[in-house]
C-alpha atoms as a PDB file:
ATOM      1  CA  MET A   1      -0.344  30.422  -2.982  1.00  0.00           C
ATOM      2  CA  GLY A   2       3.140  30.029  -1.423  1.00  0.00           C
ATOM      3  CA  GLU A   3       4.482  27.257   0.734  1.00  0.00           C
ATOM      4  CA  ILE A   4       3.692  27.092   4.424  1.00  0.00           C
ATOM      5  CA  ALA A   5       6.176  28.761   6.768  1.00  0.00           C
ATOM      6  CA  PHE A   6       6.824  26.442   9.690  1.00  0.00           C
ATOM      7  CA  LYS A   7       7.455  27.781  13.186  1.00  0.00           C
ATOM      8  CA  GLY A   8      10.389  26.827  15.399  1.00  0.00           C
ATOM      9  CA  HIS A   9      12.378  28.068  18.353  1.00  0.00           C
ATOM     10  CA  VAL A  10      16.101  28.302  19.052  1.00  0.00           C
ATOM     11  CA  LYS A  11      17.621  25.740  21.374  1.00  0.00           C
ATOM     12  CA  GLY A  12      21.391  26.193  21.638  1.00  0.00           C
ATOM     13  CA  SER A  13      22.982  25.608  18.251  1.00  0.00           C
ATOM     14  CA  SER A  14      19.837  24.186  16.666  1.00  0.00           C
ATOM     15  CA  VAL A  15      16.190  24.998  16.006  1.00  0.00           C
ATOM     16  CA  VAL A  16      13.353  22.816  17.297  1.00  0.00           C
ATOM     17  CA  ILE A  17       9.976  22.323  15.628  1.00  0.00           C
ATOM     18  CA  LEU A  18       7.192  20.464  17.448  1.00  0.00           C
ATOM     19  CA  GLY A  19       3.996  18.620  16.542  1.00  0.00           C
ATOM     20  CA  ASP A  20       2.508  18.187  13.069  1.00  0.00           C
ATOM     21  CA  ASP A  21       4.834  20.840  11.635  1.00  0.00           C
ATOM     22  CA  ALA A  22       7.807  18.621  12.558  1.00  0.00           C
ATOM     23  CA  ASN A  23       6.477  15.686  10.542  1.00  0.00           C
ATOM     24  CA  LYS A  24       5.370  17.858   7.606  1.00  0.00           C
ATOM     25  CA  LEU A  25       8.705  19.638   7.278  1.00  0.00           C
ATOM     26  CA  TRP A  26      10.704  16.405   7.581  1.00  0.00           C
ATOM     27  CA  SER A  27       8.525  14.766   4.922  1.00  0.00           C
ATOM     28  CA  SER A  28       8.915  17.725   2.570  1.00  0.00           C
ATOM     29  CA  GLY A  29      12.684  17.354   2.195  1.00  0.00           C
ATOM     30  CA  TYR A  30      14.188  15.218   4.962  1.00  0.00           C
ATOM     31  CA  TYR A  31      15.306  18.270   6.922  1.00  0.00           C
ATOM     32  CA  GLY A  32      16.702  17.733  10.414  1.00  0.00           C
ATOM     33  CA  GLU A  33      16.477  14.729  12.680  1.00  0.00           C
ATOM     34  CA  LEU A  34      12.956  13.596  13.577  1.00  0.00           C
ATOM     35  CA  LYS A  35      12.373  12.089  17.024  1.00  0.00           C
ATOM     36  CA  ASP A  36       8.733  11.385  17.880  1.00  0.00           C
ATOM     37  CA  ASP A  37       6.945  14.683  17.113  1.00  0.00           C
ATOM     38  CA  CYS A  38      10.065  16.814  17.507  1.00  0.00           C
ATOM     39  CA  LEU A  39      12.257  17.918  14.605  1.00  0.00           C
ATOM     40  CA  ILE A  40      15.742  19.171  15.429  1.00  0.00           C
ATOM     41  CA  LEU A  41      17.288  21.281  12.679  1.00  0.00           C
ATOM     42  CA  ALA A  42      21.026  21.887  12.508  1.00  0.00           C
ATOM     43  CA  SER A  43      22.036  25.552  12.357  1.00  0.00           C
ATOM     44  CA  PHE A  44      22.775  25.507   8.613  1.00  0.00           C
ATOM     45  CA  GLU A  45      19.413  23.825   7.870  1.00  0.00           C
ATOM     46  CA  ALA A  46      17.547  26.458   9.883  1.00  0.00           C
ATOM     47  CA  LEU A  47      19.395  29.293   8.112  1.00  0.00           C
ATOM     48  CA  TYR A  48      18.589  27.779   4.716  1.00  0.00           C
ATOM     49  CA  LEU A  49      14.893  27.413   5.535  1.00  0.00           C
ATOM     50  CA  VAL A  50      14.641  30.939   6.987  1.00  0.00           C
ATOM     51  CA  GLU A  51      16.345  32.356   3.891  1.00  0.00           C
ATOM     52  CA  ARG A  52      13.867  30.465   1.668  1.00  0.00           C
ATOM     53  CA  GLY A  53      10.869  31.752   3.667  1.00  0.00           C
ATOM     54  CA  ARG A  54       9.921  28.248   4.815  1.00  0.00           C
ATOM     55  CA  LEU A  55      10.722  28.744   8.514  1.00  0.00           C
ATOM     56  CA  ILE A  56      10.002  31.378  11.136  1.00  0.00           C
ATOM     57  CA  VAL A  57      12.278  31.163  14.185  1.00  0.00           C
ATOM     58  CA  HIS A  58      11.606  32.655  17.614  1.00  0.00           C
ATOM     59  CA  ASP A  59      13.919  33.073  20.571  1.00  0.00           C
ATOM     60  CA  ASP A  60      12.378  34.177  23.877  1.00  0.00           C
ATOM     61  CA  GLY A  61       9.224  35.246  22.023  1.00  0.00           C
ATOM     62  CA  LYS A  62      11.118  37.436  19.524  1.00  0.00           C
ATOM     63  CA  ARG A  63      11.055  36.602  15.821  1.00  0.00           C
ATOM     64  CA  LEU A  64      14.591  36.332  14.449  1.00  0.00           C
ATOM     65  CA  SER A  65      15.613  37.569  11.026  1.00  0.00           C
ATOM     66  CA  PHE A  66      18.135  35.620   8.952  1.00  0.00           C
ATOM     67  CA  GLN A  67      20.892  37.956  10.196  1.00  0.00           C
ATOM     68  CA  ASP A  68      19.772  37.605  13.846  1.00  0.00           C
ATOM     69  CA  LEU A  69      19.836  33.833  13.531  1.00  0.00           C
ATOM     70  CA  LEU A  70      23.225  33.871  11.794  1.00  0.00           C
ATOM     71  CA  ASN A  71      24.663  36.081  14.557  1.00  0.00           C
ATOM     72  CA  HIS A  72      23.272  33.689  17.191  1.00  0.00           C
ATOM     73  CA  PHE A  73      24.853  30.652  15.500  1.00  0.00           C
ATOM     74  CA  LEU A  74      28.183  32.431  14.898  1.00  0.00           C
ATOM     75  CA  LYS A  75      28.663  32.539  18.696  1.00  0.00           C
ATOM     76  CA  GLU A  76      28.474  28.733  18.757  1.00  0.00           C
ATOM     77  CA  ASP A  77      30.207  27.932  15.448  1.00  0.00           C
ATOM     78  CA  PRO A  78      32.652  30.357  13.791  1.00  0.00           C
ATOM     79  CA  ASP A  79      32.527  28.241  10.579  1.00  0.00           C
ATOM     80  CA  ILE A  80      28.723  28.388  10.239  1.00  0.00           C
ATOM     81  CA  TRP A  81      28.811  30.765   7.255  1.00  0.00           C
ATOM     82  CA  ILE A  82      31.000  28.380   5.203  1.00  0.00           C
ATOM     83  CA  ARG A  83      28.879  25.395   6.230  1.00  0.00           C
ATOM     84  CA  TYR A  84      25.713  27.296   5.327  1.00  0.00           C
ATOM     85  CA  LEU A  85      27.075  28.260   1.875  1.00  0.00           C
ATOM     86  CA  ILE A  86      27.986  24.649   1.060  1.00  0.00           C
ATOM     87  CA  TYR A  87      24.724  23.249   2.455  1.00  0.00           C
ATOM     88  CA  SER A  88      22.663  25.834   0.573  1.00  0.00           C
ATOM     89  CA  ASP A  89      24.500  25.167  -2.700  1.00  0.00           C
ATOM     90  CA  LEU A  90      24.030  21.390  -2.420  1.00  0.00           C
ATOM     91  CA  ARG A  91      20.322  21.770  -1.560  1.00  0.00           C
ATOM     92  CA  ARG A  92      19.760  24.096  -4.516  1.00  0.00           C
ATOM     93  CA  ARG A  93      21.348  21.437  -6.731  1.00  0.00           C
ATOM     94  CA  GLY A  94      18.701  18.969  -5.547  1.00  0.00           C
ATOM     95  CA  TYR A  95      20.629  16.887  -3.031  1.00  0.00           C
ATOM     96  CA  VAL A  96      19.453  15.798   0.406  1.00  0.00           C
ATOM     97  CA  VAL A  97      22.152  16.845   2.879  1.00  0.00           C
ATOM     98  CA  LYS A  98      22.695  15.716   6.466  1.00  0.00           C
ATOM     99  CA  SER A  99      25.313  16.549   9.099  1.00  0.00           C
ATOM    100  CA  GLY A 100      28.590  14.724   8.787  1.00  0.00           C
ATOM    101  CA  PHE A 101      30.202  12.656  11.466  1.00  0.00           C
ATOM    102  CA  GLY A 102      33.486  13.016  13.245  1.00  0.00           C
ATOM    103  CA  GLY A 103      35.396  16.266  13.270  1.00  0.00           C
ATOM    104  CA  LYS A 104      36.454  16.420   9.638  1.00  0.00           C
ATOM    105  CA  ILE A 105      33.445  15.452   7.517  1.00  0.00           C
ATOM    106  CA  SER A 106      31.023  18.365   7.143  1.00  0.00           C
ATOM    107  CA  PHE A 107      28.120  16.579   5.439  1.00  0.00           C
ATOM    108  CA  ARG A 108      26.662  13.310   4.257  1.00  0.00           C
ATOM    109  CA  VAL A 109      25.013  13.800   0.878  1.00  0.00           C
ATOM    110  CA  TYR A 110      22.407  11.518  -0.654  1.00  0.00           C
ATOM    111  CA  ARG A 111      21.921  11.063  -4.375  1.00  0.00           C
ATOM    112  CA  ARG A 112      19.156  13.110  -5.983  1.00  0.00           C
ATOM    113  CA  GLY A 113      15.792  11.460  -5.378  1.00  0.00           C
ATOM    114  CA  ALA A 114      17.083   9.302  -2.525  1.00  0.00           C
ATOM    115  CA  VAL A 115      14.761   8.190   0.256  1.00  0.00           C
ATOM    116  CA  VAL A 116      16.564   8.949   3.516  1.00  0.00           C
ATOM    117  CA  GLY A 117      16.383   6.000   5.883  1.00  0.00           C
ATOM    118  CA  LYS A 118      15.945   3.515   3.042  1.00  0.00           C
ATOM    119  CA  GLU A 119      19.338   4.004   1.405  1.00  0.00           C
ATOM    120  CA  PRO A 120      22.715   5.284   2.588  1.00  0.00           C
ATOM    121  CA  ALA A 121      24.368   8.570   1.714  1.00  0.00           C
ATOM    122  CA  LYS A 122      26.445   8.433  -1.477  1.00  0.00           C
ATOM    123  CA  TYR A 123      29.004  11.137  -0.654  1.00  0.00           C
ATOM    124  CA  LEU A 124      30.956  12.476   2.289  1.00  0.00           C
ATOM    125  CA  VAL A 125      31.695  16.174   1.877  1.00  0.00           C
ATOM    126  CA  TYR A 126      34.558  18.044   3.511  1.00  0.00           C
ATOM    127  CA  GLY A 127      34.175  21.809   3.380  1.00  0.00           C
ATOM    128  CA  SER A 128      36.936  24.398   3.495  1.00  0.00           C
ATOM    129  CA  VAL A 129      37.819  27.928   2.460  1.00  0.00           C
ATOM    130  CA  GLU A 130      39.957  28.705  -0.573  1.00  0.00           C
ATOM    131  CA  GLY A 131      43.553  29.308   0.492  1.00  0.00           C
ATOM    132  CA  LYS A 132      43.294  27.343   3.747  1.00  0.00           C
ATOM    133  CA  PRO A 133      45.822  24.487   3.626  1.00  0.00           C
ATOM    134  CA  ILE A 134      44.648  20.903   4.058  1.00  0.00           C
ATOM    135  CA  GLU A 135      47.284  18.481   5.316  1.00  0.00           C
ATOM    136  CA  LEU A 136      47.822  15.513   3.012  1.00  0.00           C
ATOM    137  CA  THR A 137      47.787  13.098   5.954  1.00  0.00           C
ATOM    138  CA  SER A 138      44.391  14.484   6.966  1.00  0.00           C
ATOM    139  CA  LEU A 139      43.091  14.212   3.403  1.00  0.00           C
ATOM    140  CA  SER A 140      44.428  10.672   3.118  1.00  0.00           C
ATOM    141  CA  GLU A 141      42.653   9.740   6.361  1.00  0.00           C
ATOM    142  CA  MET A 142      39.356  11.176   5.038  1.00  0.00           C
ATOM    143  CA  VAL A 143      39.724   9.190   1.782  1.00  0.00           C
ATOM    144  CA  ARG A 144      40.305   5.984   3.785  1.00  0.00           C
ATOM    145  CA  GLU A 145      37.273   6.743   5.966  1.00  0.00           C
ATOM    146  CA  ALA A 146      35.074   7.381   2.914  1.00  0.00           C
ATOM    147  CA  ARG A 147      36.284   4.254   1.118  1.00  0.00           C
ATOM    148  CA  SER A 148      35.717   2.062   4.173  1.00  0.00           C
ATOM    149  CA  ALA A 149      32.158   3.447   4.356  1.00  0.00           C
ATOM    150  CA  ARG A 150      31.716   2.826   0.586  1.00  0.00           C
ATOM    151  CA  LYS A 151      31.197   6.516  -0.121  1.00  0.00           C
ATOM    152  CA  ASP A 152      32.858   9.055  -2.395  1.00  0.00           C
ATOM    153  CA  LEU A 153      34.827  11.881  -0.780  1.00  0.00           C
ATOM    154  CA  ILE A 154      34.105  15.335  -2.150  1.00  0.00           C
ATOM    155  CA  LEU A 155      36.037  18.492  -1.248  1.00  0.00           C
ATOM    156  CA  ALA A 156      33.840  21.594  -1.252  1.00  0.00           C
ATOM    157  CA  ILE A 157      35.967  24.742  -1.472  1.00  0.00           C
ATOM    158  CA  VAL A 158      34.356  28.160  -0.937  1.00  0.00           C
ATOM    159  CA  ASP A 159      36.062  31.096  -2.671  1.00  0.00           C
ATOM    160  CA  ARG A 160      36.084  34.758  -1.641  1.00  0.00           C
ATOM    161  CA  GLN A 161      32.880  35.455  -3.573  1.00  0.00           C
ATOM    162  CA  GLY A 162      31.034  32.670  -1.738  1.00  0.00           C
ATOM    163  CA  GLU A 163      31.025  30.346  -4.768  1.00  0.00           C
ATOM    164  CA  VAL A 164      31.498  26.647  -4.084  1.00  0.00           C
ATOM    165  CA  THR A 165      33.682  24.376  -6.234  1.00  0.00           C
ATOM    166  CA  TYR A 166      33.617  20.603  -5.744  1.00  0.00           C
ATOM    167  CA  TYR A 167      36.498  18.169  -6.169  1.00  0.00           C
ATOM    168  CA  ASP A 168      36.149  14.392  -6.191  1.00  0.00           C
ATOM    169  CA  VAL A 169      39.015  12.849  -4.199  1.00  0.00           C
ATOM    170  CA  THR A 170      39.689   9.197  -4.894  1.00  0.00           C
ATOM    171  CA  GLN A 171      43.248   8.607  -3.739  1.00  0.00           C
ATOM    172  CA  VAL A 172      46.034  10.463  -1.983  1.00  0.00           C
ATOM    173  CA  ASN A 173      49.598   9.250  -2.448  1.00  0.00           C
ATOM    174  CA  LEU A 174      51.983  10.461   0.227  1.00  0.00           C
END
């Protein structure tokens, strides 16, 4: 017997799940942000769960396919596909992944087996597309931010085939 498909509905650039389903889904992999009996999934989390058959999303009573949901989120976030590819890759590798903070950091990533809420994220991940330049001053600022937060900075670069390569950045000398 397969896993339960949870039900949610679109609300702007996220998906909301209510009631017992909210608690069950959060407990099964620390997806989203849980507030009372309401789970708010980021767009990339919702896409990942729909793709895996773990989530059914409705908008105005209509069930959305993966492509429908992607098209909806693309209106809000033109970089959603890149963010989804990186998120999906990290999740498949066994990491718990949460939204980043600030404009530059895409994700906070917890070590494998981490208990979210009991320990901090280990990595800050900055995602980009192969061939898109990253200014050294910007990279240096991200390294400083990661070091001050006692986290490792990881660059996640998506190539033309949708493959993700990770680079550990420890220091930038200008």
